[in-house]
PDB file of N, CA and C in Angstrom:
ATOM      1  N   MET A   1       8.269  81.680 110.986  1.00  0.00           N
ATOM      2  CA  MET A   1       8.877  82.969 110.302  1.00  0.00           C
ATOM      3  C   MET A   1      10.308  82.468 110.359  1.00  0.00           C
ATOM      4  N   VAL A   2      11.195  83.436 109.291  1.00  0.00           N
ATOM      5  CA  VAL A   2      12.216  83.553 108.665  1.00  0.00           C
ATOM      6  C   VAL A   2      12.987  84.634 109.451  1.00  0.00           C
ATOM      7  N   ALA A   3      14.385  84.746 109.918  1.00  0.00           N
ATOM      8  CA  ALA A   3      14.730  85.380 110.406  1.00  0.00           C
ATOM      9  C   ALA A   3      16.313  85.898 110.265  1.00  0.00           C
ATOM     10  N   ARG A   4      16.419  87.211 109.688  1.00  0.00           N
ATOM     11  CA  ARG A   4      17.530  87.075 109.483  1.00  0.00           C
ATOM     12  C   ARG A   4      18.438  88.434 110.001  1.00  0.00           C
ATOM     13  N   THR A   5      19.325  88.171 110.174  1.00  0.00           N
ATOM     14  CA  THR A   5      20.022  89.068 111.141  1.00  0.00           C
ATOM     15  C   THR A   5      21.136  89.544 110.541  1.00  0.00           C
ATOM     16  N   ARG A   6      21.613  90.445 110.675  1.00  0.00           N
ATOM     17  CA  ARG A   6      22.870  91.725 110.245  1.00  0.00           C
ATOM     18  C   ARG A   6      24.191  90.589 109.877  1.00  0.00           C
ATOM     19  N   LEU A   7      24.377  89.742 110.977  1.00  0.00           N
ATOM     20  CA  LEU A   7      25.478  89.568 111.253  1.00  0.00           C
ATOM     21  C   LEU A   7      25.168  88.305 110.166  1.00  0.00           C
ATOM     22  N   GLY A   8      24.261  87.493 110.132  1.00  0.00           N
ATOM     23  CA  GLY A   8      24.508  86.360 108.964  1.00  0.00           C
ATOM     24  C   GLY A   8      24.261  86.700 107.868  1.00  0.00           C
ATOM     25  N   ARG A   9      23.842  88.037 107.616  1.00  0.00           N
ATOM     26  CA  ARG A   9      23.958  88.190 106.059  1.00  0.00           C
ATOM     27  C   ARG A   9      25.174  88.891 105.871  1.00  0.00           C
ATOM     28  N   PHE A  10      25.841  89.714 106.798  1.00  0.00           N
ATOM     29  CA  PHE A  10      27.933  90.272 106.694  1.00  0.00           C
ATOM     30  C   PHE A  10      28.013  88.481 106.242  1.00  0.00           C
ATOM     31  N   LEU A  11      28.033  87.445 107.258  1.00  0.00           N
ATOM     32  CA  LEU A  11      28.629  86.318 107.204  1.00  0.00           C
ATOM     33  C   LEU A  11      28.491  85.539 105.845  1.00  0.00           C
ATOM     34  N   GLN A  12      27.372  85.669 105.287  1.00  0.00           N
ATOM     35  CA  GLN A  12      26.933  85.075 104.218  1.00  0.00           C
ATOM     36  C   GLN A  12      27.759  85.871 102.714  1.00  0.00           C
ATOM     37  N   GLY A  13      27.634  87.186 102.847  1.00  0.00           N
ATOM     38  CA  GLY A  13      28.925  88.112 101.924  1.00  0.00           C
ATOM     39  C   GLY A  13      30.459  88.021 102.073  1.00  0.00           C
ATOM     40  N   LEU A  14      29.940  87.955 103.103  1.00  0.00           N
ATOM     41  CA  LEU A  14      32.087  87.698 103.515  1.00  0.00           C
ATOM     42  C   LEU A  14      32.658  86.630 103.144  1.00  0.00           C
ATOM     43  N   ALA A  15      31.407  85.066 103.386  1.00  0.00           N
ATOM     44  CA  ALA A  15      32.093  83.836 102.824  1.00  0.00           C
ATOM     45  C   ALA A  15      31.761  83.621 100.730  1.00  0.00           C
ATOM     46  N   LEU A  16      30.949  84.740 100.696  1.00  0.00           N
ATOM     47  CA  LEU A  16      31.003  85.004  99.363  1.00  0.00           C
ATOM     48  C   LEU A  16      32.276  84.999  98.604  1.00  0.00           C
ATOM     49  N   HIS A  17      32.789  86.548  98.708  1.00  0.00           N
ATOM     50  CA  HIS A  17      33.796  87.225  98.831  1.00  0.00           C
ATOM     51  C   HIS A  17      35.347  86.268  98.857  1.00  0.00           C
ATOM     52  N   ILE A  18      35.463  85.463 100.171  1.00  0.00           N
ATOM     53  CA  ILE A  18      36.239  84.688 100.075  1.00  0.00           C
ATOM     54  C   ILE A  18      36.555  83.624  99.401  1.00  0.00           C
ATOM     55  N   PHE A  19      35.173  82.946  99.059  1.00  0.00           N
ATOM     56  CA  PHE A  19      34.888  82.214  98.462  1.00  0.00           C
ATOM     57  C   PHE A  19      35.568  82.726  96.828  1.00  0.00           C
ATOM     58  N   ALA A  20      35.027  83.432  96.436  1.00  0.00           N
ATOM     59  CA  ALA A  20      35.746  84.070  95.251  1.00  0.00           C
ATOM     60  C   ALA A  20      37.235  84.875  95.069  1.00  0.00           C
ATOM     61  N   ALA A  21      37.814  85.003  96.323  1.00  0.00           N
ATOM     62  CA  ALA A  21      39.241  85.325  96.017  1.00  0.00           C
ATOM     63  C   ALA A  21      40.141  83.808  96.329  1.00  0.00           C
ATOM     64  N   LEU A  22      39.598  82.919  96.824  1.00  0.00           N
ATOM     65  CA  LEU A  22      40.221  81.912  96.768  1.00  0.00           C
ATOM     66  C   LEU A  22      40.069  81.092  95.133  1.00  0.00           C
ATOM     67  N   ILE A  23      39.012  81.430  94.014  1.00  0.00           N
ATOM     68  CA  ILE A  23      39.143  80.360  93.208  1.00  0.00           C
ATOM     69  C   ILE A  23      39.904  81.461  92.073  1.00  0.00           C
ATOM     70  N   ILE A  24      39.970  82.939  92.317  1.00  0.00           N
ATOM     71  CA  ILE A  24      40.607  83.928  91.787  1.00  0.00           C
ATOM     72  C   ILE A  24      42.171  83.432  91.994  1.00  0.00           C
ATOM     73  N   GLY A  25      42.659  83.281  93.047  1.00  0.00           N
ATOM     74  CA  GLY A  25      43.693  82.971  93.714  1.00  0.00           C
ATOM     75  C   GLY A  25      44.253  81.679  92.652  1.00  0.00           C
ATOM     76  N   TYR A  26      43.970  80.790  92.820  1.00  0.00           N
ATOM     77  CA  TYR A  26      44.036  79.190  92.441  1.00  0.00           C
ATOM     78  C   TYR A  26      44.522  79.108  90.944  1.00  0.00           C
ATOM     79  N   PHE A  27      43.113  80.137  90.433  1.00  0.00           N
ATOM     80  CA  PHE A  27      43.283  80.038  88.870  1.00  0.00           C
ATOM     81  C   PHE A  27      44.896  80.937  88.402  1.00  0.00           C
ATOM     82  N   ALA A  28      44.952  82.507  89.182  1.00  0.00           N
ATOM     83  CA  ALA A  28      46.596  83.074  89.775  1.00  0.00           C
ATOM     84  C   ALA A  28      47.652  82.441  89.922  1.00  0.00           C
ATOM     85  N   PHE A  29      47.258  81.738  90.714  1.00  0.00           N
ATOM     86  CA  PHE A  29      48.483  80.547  90.632  1.00  0.00           C
ATOM     87  C   PHE A  29      48.799  79.422  89.899  1.00  0.00           C
ATOM     88  N   GLN A  30      47.947  78.910  88.939  1.00  0.00           N
ATOM     89  CA  GLN A  30      47.813  77.818  87.785  1.00  0.00           C
ATOM     90  C   GLN A  30      48.715  78.691  86.688  1.00  0.00           C
ATOM     91  N   GLY A  31      47.822  79.745  86.442  1.00  0.00           N
ATOM     92  CA  GLY A  31      48.291  80.921  85.503  1.00  0.00           C
ATOM     93  C   GLY A  31      49.844  80.850  85.566  1.00  0.00           C
ATOM     94  N   TYR A  32      50.477  80.380  86.794  1.00  0.00           N
ATOM     95  CA  TYR A  32      52.052  81.054  86.556  1.00  0.00           C
ATOM     96  C   TYR A  32      52.824  80.249  87.046  1.00  0.00           C
ATOM     97  N   HIS A  33      52.469  79.088  87.828  1.00  0.00           N
ATOM     98  CA  HIS A  33      53.023  78.089  87.746  1.00  0.00           C
ATOM     99  C   HIS A  33      52.995  76.507  87.045  1.00  0.00           C
ATOM    100  N   GLY A  34      51.534  76.537  87.020  1.00  0.00           N
ATOM    101  CA  GLY A  34      50.984  75.296  86.079  1.00  0.00           C
ATOM    102  C   GLY A  34      52.022  74.607  84.562  1.00  0.00           C
ATOM    103  N   ASP A  35      51.122  73.794  84.383  1.00  0.00           N
ATOM    104  CA  ASP A  35      51.742  73.075  83.385  1.00  0.00           C
ATOM    105  C   ASP A  35      52.117  74.359  81.937  1.00  0.00           C
ATOM    106  N   TYR A  36      50.814  74.529  81.653  1.00  0.00           N
ATOM    107  CA  TYR A  36      50.621  75.927  80.730  1.00  0.00           C
ATOM    108  C   TYR A  36      50.710  77.534  81.160  1.00  0.00           C
ATOM    109  N   GLY A  37      51.284  77.739  82.197  1.00  0.00           N
ATOM    110  CA  GLY A  37      51.574  79.185  83.348  1.00  0.00           C
ATOM    111  C   GLY A  37      53.023  79.806  82.311  1.00  0.00           C
ATOM    112  N   LEU A  38      53.169  80.948  82.605  1.00  0.00           N
ATOM    113  CA  LEU A  38      54.653  81.453  82.496  1.00  0.00           C
ATOM    114  C   LEU A  38      55.695  80.729  82.227  1.00  0.00           C
ATOM    115  N   LEU A  39      56.056  80.098  84.014  1.00  0.00           N
ATOM    116  CA  LEU A  39      57.203  79.592  84.066  1.00  0.00           C
ATOM    117  C   LEU A  39      57.336  78.364  82.867  1.00  0.00           C
ATOM    118  N   ALA A  40      56.294  77.312  82.850  1.00  0.00           N
ATOM    119  CA  ALA A  40      56.582  76.616  81.427  1.00  0.00           C
ATOM    120  C   ALA A  40      57.268  77.239  80.358  1.00  0.00           C
ATOM    121  N   GLN A  41      56.324  78.159  79.627  1.00  0.00           N
ATOM    122  CA  GLN A  41      56.738  78.740  78.757  1.00  0.00           C
ATOM    123  C   GLN A  41      58.024  79.309  78.775  1.00  0.00           C
ATOM    124  N   ARG A  42      58.390  80.184  79.730  1.00  0.00           N
ATOM    125  CA  ARG A  42      60.121  80.530  79.464  1.00  0.00           C
ATOM    126  C   ARG A  42      60.717  78.863  79.240  1.00  0.00           C
ATOM    127  N   ALA A  43      60.352  77.598  79.843  1.00  0.00           N
ATOM    128  CA  ALA A  43      61.079  76.810  80.118  1.00  0.00           C
ATOM    129  C   ALA A  43      61.156  76.074  78.372  1.00  0.00           C
ATOM    130  N   TYR A  44      59.816  76.170  78.028  1.00  0.00           N
ATOM    131  CA  TYR A  44      59.592  75.452  76.338  1.00  0.00           C
ATOM    132  C   TYR A  44      60.557  76.374  75.926  1.00  0.00           C
ATOM    133  N   GLU A  45      60.408  77.820  75.794  1.00  0.00           N
ATOM    134  CA  GLU A  45      61.331  79.145  74.707  1.00  0.00           C
ATOM    135  C   GLU A  45      62.671  78.918  74.650  1.00  0.00           C
ATOM    136  N   GLN A  46      63.384  78.345  75.719  1.00  0.00           N
ATOM    137  CA  GLN A  46      64.787  78.297  76.120  1.00  0.00           C
ATOM    138  C   GLN A  46      64.962  76.747  75.913  1.00  0.00           C
ATOM    139  N   GLU A  47      64.233  76.176  75.725  1.00  0.00           N
ATOM    140  CA  GLU A  47      64.118  74.337  75.203  1.00  0.00           C
ATOM    141  C   GLU A  47      63.622  74.743  73.500  1.00  0.00           C
ATOM    142  N   ILE A  48      63.098  75.472  72.893  1.00  0.00           N
ATOM    143  CA  ILE A  48      62.903  75.414  71.892  1.00  0.00           C
ATOM    144  C   ILE A  48      64.638  76.003  71.372  1.00  0.00           C
ATOM    145  N   LEU A  49      65.257  77.017  72.242  1.00  0.00           N
ATOM    146  CA  LEU A  49      66.400  77.552  71.554  1.00  0.00           C
ATOM    147  C   LEU A  49      67.651  76.874  71.273  1.00  0.00           C
ATOM    148  N   ASP A  50      67.620  75.928  72.046  1.00  0.00           N
ATOM    149  CA  ASP A  50      68.380  74.755  72.312  1.00  0.00           C
ATOM    150  C   ASP A  50      68.775  74.275  71.359  1.00  0.00           C
ATOM    151  N   LEU A  51      67.373  73.543  71.070  1.00  0.00           N
ATOM    152  CA  LEU A  51      66.435  72.566  70.073  1.00  0.00           C
ATOM    153  C   LEU A  51      66.972  72.775  68.465  1.00  0.00           C
ATOM    154  N   THR A  52      67.173  74.725  68.222  1.00  0.00           N
ATOM    155  CA  THR A  52      67.916  75.007  67.860  1.00  0.00           C
ATOM    156  C   THR A  52      69.080  75.007  67.165  1.00  0.00           C
ATOM    157  N   LEU A  53      69.575  75.289  68.140  1.00  0.00           N
ATOM    158  CA  LEU A  53      70.957  75.601  68.295  1.00  0.00           C
ATOM    159  C   LEU A  53      71.586  74.755  68.108  1.00  0.00           C
ATOM    160  N   ASP A  54      71.076  73.036  68.479  1.00  0.00           N
ATOM    161  CA  ASP A  54      71.291  71.446  67.823  1.00  0.00           C
ATOM    162  C   ASP A  54      71.148  71.225  66.619  1.00  0.00           C
ATOM    163  N   ARG A  55      70.088  71.856  65.921  1.00  0.00           N
ATOM    164  CA  ARG A  55      69.848  71.971  64.887  1.00  0.00           C
ATOM    165  C   ARG A  55      70.594  72.082  63.892  1.00  0.00           C
ATOM    166  N   ASP A  56      70.621  73.927  64.175  1.00  0.00           N
ATOM    167  CA  ASP A  56      72.196  74.308  63.075  1.00  0.00           C
ATOM    168  C   ASP A  56      73.237  73.710  63.018  1.00  0.00           C
ATOM    169  N   THR A  57      73.618  73.465  64.433  1.00  0.00           N
ATOM    170  CA  THR A  57      74.706  72.679  64.517  1.00  0.00           C
ATOM    171  C   THR A  57      75.208  70.981  63.488  1.00  0.00           C
ATOM    172  N   LEU A  58      73.498  70.745  63.674  1.00  0.00           N
ATOM    173  CA  LEU A  58      73.798  69.439  63.137  1.00  0.00           C
ATOM    174  C   LEU A  58      73.788  69.417  61.417  1.00  0.00           C
ATOM    175  N   ARG A  59      72.930  70.504  61.103  1.00  0.00           N
ATOM    176  CA  ARG A  59      73.142  71.118  60.116  1.00  0.00           C
ATOM    177  C   ARG A  59      74.393  71.339  58.713  1.00  0.00           C
ATOM    178  N   ALA A  60      75.151  72.235  60.192  1.00  0.00           N
ATOM    179  CA  ALA A  60      76.475  72.336  59.583  1.00  0.00           C
ATOM    180  C   ALA A  60      77.474  71.591  59.148  1.00  0.00           C
ATOM    181  N   GLU A  61      77.188  70.188  60.426  1.00  0.00           N
ATOM    182  CA  GLU A  61      78.485  69.524  60.252  1.00  0.00           C
ATOM    183  C   GLU A  61      77.992  68.182  59.542  1.00  0.00           C
ATOM    184  N   ARG A  62      76.194  68.079  58.982  1.00  0.00           N
ATOM    185  CA  ARG A  62      75.969  67.307  57.631  1.00  0.00           C
ATOM    186  C   ARG A  62      76.371  68.213  56.524  1.00  0.00           C
ATOM    187  N   ALA A  63      76.188  69.605  56.262  1.00  0.00           N
ATOM    188  CA  ALA A  63      76.910  69.964  54.846  1.00  0.00           C
ATOM    189  C   ALA A  63      77.887  69.354  54.727  1.00  0.00           C
ATOM    190  N   TYR A  64      79.448  69.351  56.046  1.00  0.00           N
ATOM    191  CA  TYR A  64      80.278  69.198  55.934  1.00  0.00           C
ATOM    192  C   TYR A  64      80.954  68.135  55.385  1.00  0.00           C
ATOM    193  N   TRP A  65      80.345  66.835  55.965  1.00  0.00           N
ATOM    194  CA  TRP A  65      80.187  65.221  55.407  1.00  0.00           C
ATOM    195  C   TRP A  65      79.346  65.349  53.878  1.00  0.00           C
ATOM    196  N   GLU A  66      78.992  66.105  53.886  1.00  0.00           N
ATOM    197  CA  GLU A  66      78.205  65.941  52.593  1.00  0.00           C
ATOM    198  C   GLU A  66      79.235  66.121  51.356  1.00  0.00           C
ATOM    199  N   HIS A  67      79.858  67.545  51.830  1.00  0.00           N
ATOM    200  CA  HIS A  67      80.544  67.910  51.319  1.00  0.00           C
ATOM    201  C   HIS A  67      82.081  66.752  50.796  1.00  0.00           C
ATOM    202  N   ARG A  68      82.376  66.154  51.788  1.00  0.00           N
ATOM    203  CA  ARG A  68      83.598  65.431  51.656  1.00  0.00           C
ATOM    204  C   ARG A  68      83.228  64.157  50.824  1.00  0.00           C
ATOM    205  N   VAL A  69      81.833  63.833  51.546  1.00  0.00           N
ATOM    206  CA  VAL A  69      81.356  62.765  50.897  1.00  0.00           C
ATOM    207  C   VAL A  69      81.693  62.787  48.843  1.00  0.00           C
ATOM    208  N   SER A  70      81.324  63.980  48.438  1.00  0.00           N
ATOM    209  CA  SER A  70      80.735  64.773  47.379  1.00  0.00           C
ATOM    210  C   SER A  70      82.400  64.663  46.796  1.00  0.00           C
ATOM    211  N   LEU A  71      83.777  64.944  47.540  1.00  0.00           N
ATOM    212  CA  LEU A  71      84.725  64.863  47.070  1.00  0.00           C
ATOM    213  C   LEU A  71      85.149  63.338  46.822  1.00  0.00           C
ATOM    214  N   LEU A  72      84.497  62.007  46.685  1.00  0.00           N
ATOM    215  CA  LEU A  72      84.739  60.770  46.931  1.00  0.00           C
ATOM    216  C   LEU A  72      84.007  59.900  45.955  1.00  0.00           C
ATOM    217  N   ARG A  73      83.696  61.021  45.232  1.00  0.00           N
ATOM    218  CA  ARG A  73      82.558  60.236  44.225  1.00  0.00           C
ATOM    219  C   ARG A  73      83.509  59.884  43.028  1.00  0.00           C
ATOM    220  N   ALA A  74      82.601  58.938  41.961  1.00  0.00           N
ATOM    221  CA  ALA A  74      84.109  58.304  40.988  1.00  0.00           C
ATOM    222  C   ALA A  74      84.053  59.728  40.094  1.00  0.00           C
ATOM    223  N   ASP A  75      82.354  60.376  39.580  1.00  0.00           N
ATOM    224  CA  ASP A  75      83.199  61.106  38.378  1.00  0.00           C
ATOM    225  C   ASP A  75      83.451  61.999  38.448  1.00  0.00           C
ATOM    226  N   LYS A  76      84.268  63.200  40.420  1.00  0.00           N
ATOM    227  CA  LYS A  76      85.334  64.012  40.460  1.00  0.00           C
ATOM    228  C   LYS A  76      85.943  63.663  41.901  1.00  0.00           C
ATOM    229  N   LEU A  77      86.694  62.581  41.759  1.00  0.00           N
ATOM    230  CA  LEU A  77      87.543  62.202  42.686  1.00  0.00           C
ATOM    231  C   LEU A  77      88.589  63.311  42.975  1.00  0.00           C
ATOM    232  N   ASP A  78      88.917  63.404  43.937  1.00  0.00           N
ATOM    233  CA  ASP A  78      89.857  64.334  45.064  1.00  0.00           C
ATOM    234  C   ASP A  78      91.064  63.536  44.832  1.00  0.00           C
ATOM    235  N   PRO A  79      91.685  63.631  44.156  1.00  0.00           N
ATOM    236  CA  PRO A  79      93.008  62.960  44.311  1.00  0.00           C
ATOM    237  C   PRO A  79      93.990  62.968  45.710  1.00  0.00           C
ATOM    238  N   ASP A  80      94.287  64.551  46.053  1.00  0.00           N
ATOM    239  CA  ASP A  80      94.805  64.337  47.658  1.00  0.00           C
ATOM    240  C   ASP A  80      94.045  63.907  48.523  1.00  0.00           C
ATOM    241  N   LEU A  81      92.993  64.035  48.508  1.00  0.00           N
ATOM    242  CA  LEU A  81      92.425  63.683  49.628  1.00  0.00           C
ATOM    243  C   LEU A  81      92.004  61.983  49.812  1.00  0.00           C
ATOM    244  N   LEU A  82      92.080  61.620  48.335  1.00  0.00           N
ATOM    245  CA  LEU A  82      92.209  59.943  48.374  1.00  0.00           C
ATOM    246  C   LEU A  82      93.292  59.662  49.266  1.00  0.00           C
ATOM    247  N   GLU A  83      94.823  60.123  48.558  1.00  0.00           N
ATOM    248  CA  GLU A  83      96.038  60.003  49.161  1.00  0.00           C
ATOM    249  C   GLU A  83      95.841  60.128  50.709  1.00  0.00           C
ATOM    250  N   GLU A  84      95.103  61.159  51.091  1.00  0.00           N
ATOM    251  CA  GLU A  84      95.634  61.418  52.590  1.00  0.00           C
ATOM    252  C   GLU A  84      94.271  60.768  53.621  1.00  0.00           C
ATOM    253  N   LEU A  85      93.147  60.264  53.053  1.00  0.00           N
ATOM    254  CA  LEU A  85      93.077  59.171  53.635  1.00  0.00           C
ATOM    255  C   LEU A  85      93.170  57.597  53.575  1.00  0.00           C
ATOM    256  N   ALA A  86      94.232  56.956  52.513  1.00  0.00           N
ATOM    257  CA  ALA A  86      95.194  55.644  52.119  1.00  0.00           C
ATOM    258  C   ALA A  86      96.039  56.128  53.063  1.00  0.00           C
ATOM    259  N   ARG A  87      96.510  57.012  52.930  1.00  0.00           N
ATOM    260  CA  ARG A  87      97.844  57.268  54.114  1.00  0.00           C
ATOM    261  C   ARG A  87      97.316  57.527  55.194  1.00  0.00           C
ATOM    262  N   ARG A  88      96.157  57.582  56.712  1.00  0.00           N
ATOM    263  CA  ARG A  88      95.902  57.526  57.375  1.00  0.00           C
ATOM    264  C   ARG A  88      95.369  56.526  57.764  1.00  0.00           C
ATOM    265  N   ASP A  89      94.486  55.470  56.775  1.00  0.00           N
ATOM    266  CA  ASP A  89      93.387  54.167  57.008  1.00  0.00           C
ATOM    267  C   ASP A  89      94.510  53.380  56.421  1.00  0.00           C
ATOM    268  N   LEU A  90      95.312  53.356  55.902  1.00  0.00           N
ATOM    269  CA  LEU A  90      95.503  51.981  55.286  1.00  0.00           C
ATOM    270  C   LEU A  90      97.276  52.141  55.783  1.00  0.00           C
ATOM    271  N   GLY A  91      97.401  53.694  56.190  1.00  0.00           N
ATOM    272  CA  GLY A  91      98.856  53.239  56.742  1.00  0.00           C
ATOM    273  C   GLY A  91     100.289  53.530  55.330  1.00  0.00           C
ATOM    274  N   PHE A  92      99.643  53.750  54.009  1.00  0.00           N
ATOM    275  CA  PHE A  92     100.638  53.699  53.096  1.00  0.00           C
ATOM    276  C   PHE A  92     102.016  54.611  53.346  1.00  0.00           C
ATOM    277  N   ALA A  93     102.458  54.583  52.283  1.00  0.00           N
ATOM    278  CA  ALA A  93     103.663  55.894  52.651  1.00  0.00           C
ATOM    279  C   ALA A  93     104.695  55.448  51.598  1.00  0.00           C
ATOM    280  N   LYS A  94     104.864  56.771  50.597  1.00  0.00           N
ATOM    281  CA  LYS A  94     105.931  56.451  49.842  1.00  0.00           C
ATOM    282  C   LYS A  94     107.680  56.244  50.421  1.00  0.00           C
ATOM    283  N   PRO A  95     108.140  55.314  49.644  1.00  0.00           N
ATOM    284  CA  PRO A  95     109.527  55.485  50.260  1.00  0.00           C
ATOM    285  C   PRO A  95     110.855  56.151  50.510  1.00  0.00           C
ATOM    286  N   ASN A  96     110.475  57.469  49.910  1.00  0.00           N
ATOM    287  CA  ASN A  96     111.413  58.566  50.316  1.00  0.00           C
ATOM    288  C   ASN A  96     110.733  58.944  51.295  1.00  0.00           C
ATOM    289  N   ASP A  97     109.294  59.102  51.761  1.00  0.00           N
ATOM    290  CA  ASP A  97     108.614  59.941  52.919  1.00  0.00           C
ATOM    291  C   ASP A  97     109.413  59.969  54.474  1.00  0.00           C
ATOM    292  N   LEU A  98     109.080  60.922  54.878  1.00  0.00           N
ATOM    293  CA  LEU A  98     109.542  60.461  56.125  1.00  0.00           C
ATOM    294  C   LEU A  98     108.614  60.558  57.818  1.00  0.00           C
ATOM    295  N   VAL A  99     108.421  59.426  57.878  1.00  0.00           N
ATOM    296  CA  VAL A  99     107.311  59.395  58.847  1.00  0.00           C
ATOM    297  C   VAL A  99     107.480  59.114  60.345  1.00  0.00           C
ATOM    298  N   LEU A 100     106.859  60.093  61.368  1.00  0.00           N
ATOM    299  CA  LEU A 100     106.858  60.368  62.822  1.00  0.00           C
ATOM    300  C   LEU A 100     105.327  60.023  63.200  1.00  0.00           C
ATOM    301  N   LEU A 101     105.660  58.205  63.808  1.00  0.00           N
ATOM    302  CA  LEU A 101     104.875  58.057  65.049  1.00  0.00           C
ATOM    303  C   LEU A 101     104.463  58.273  65.839  1.00  0.00           C
ATOM    304  N   GLN A 102     103.085  58.674  66.451  1.00  0.00           N
ATOM    305  CA  GLN A 102     103.258  59.382  67.590  1.00  0.00           C
ATOM    306  C   GLN A 102     102.281  58.294  68.383  1.00  0.00           C
ATOM    307  N   PRO A 103     102.601  58.606  69.972  1.00  0.00           N
ATOM    308  CA  PRO A 103     101.856  57.434  70.642  1.00  0.00           C
ATOM    309  C   PRO A 103     100.048  57.556  70.676  1.00  0.00           C
ATOM    310  N   PRO A 104      99.607  56.577  70.746  1.00  0.00           N
ATOM    311  CA  PRO A 104      98.312  57.127  70.829  1.00  0.00           C
ATOM    312  C   PRO A 104      98.057  57.664  72.447  1.00  0.00           C
ATOM    313  N   ARG A 105      97.059  58.649  72.189  1.00  0.00           N
ATOM    314  CA  ARG A 105      96.486  59.246  73.099  1.00  0.00           C
ATOM    315  C   ARG A 105      96.047  58.943  74.530  1.00  0.00           C
TER     316      ARG A 105
END
């Protein structure tokens, strides 16, 4: 004979509800704090913004250097830039130039 008491049915129902609440709580916690949760998504979005800013900075720097290099090509050599680079890198100066030497920083 199987005897089912009210207390047994109550505890069985209570255990089922507690188990379901724990499962729901686990998934809610993981949805917020987990590797693919809301906090991780915010971190990924911030990283995307930072990397986009770095990319734009590097693109602008590359465009600057491409322009400088294009000025040194043989078909359209800029004499002012060539003179500036020769004076700076090779230490060339004209006889009547006034040269001010600065101590290295």
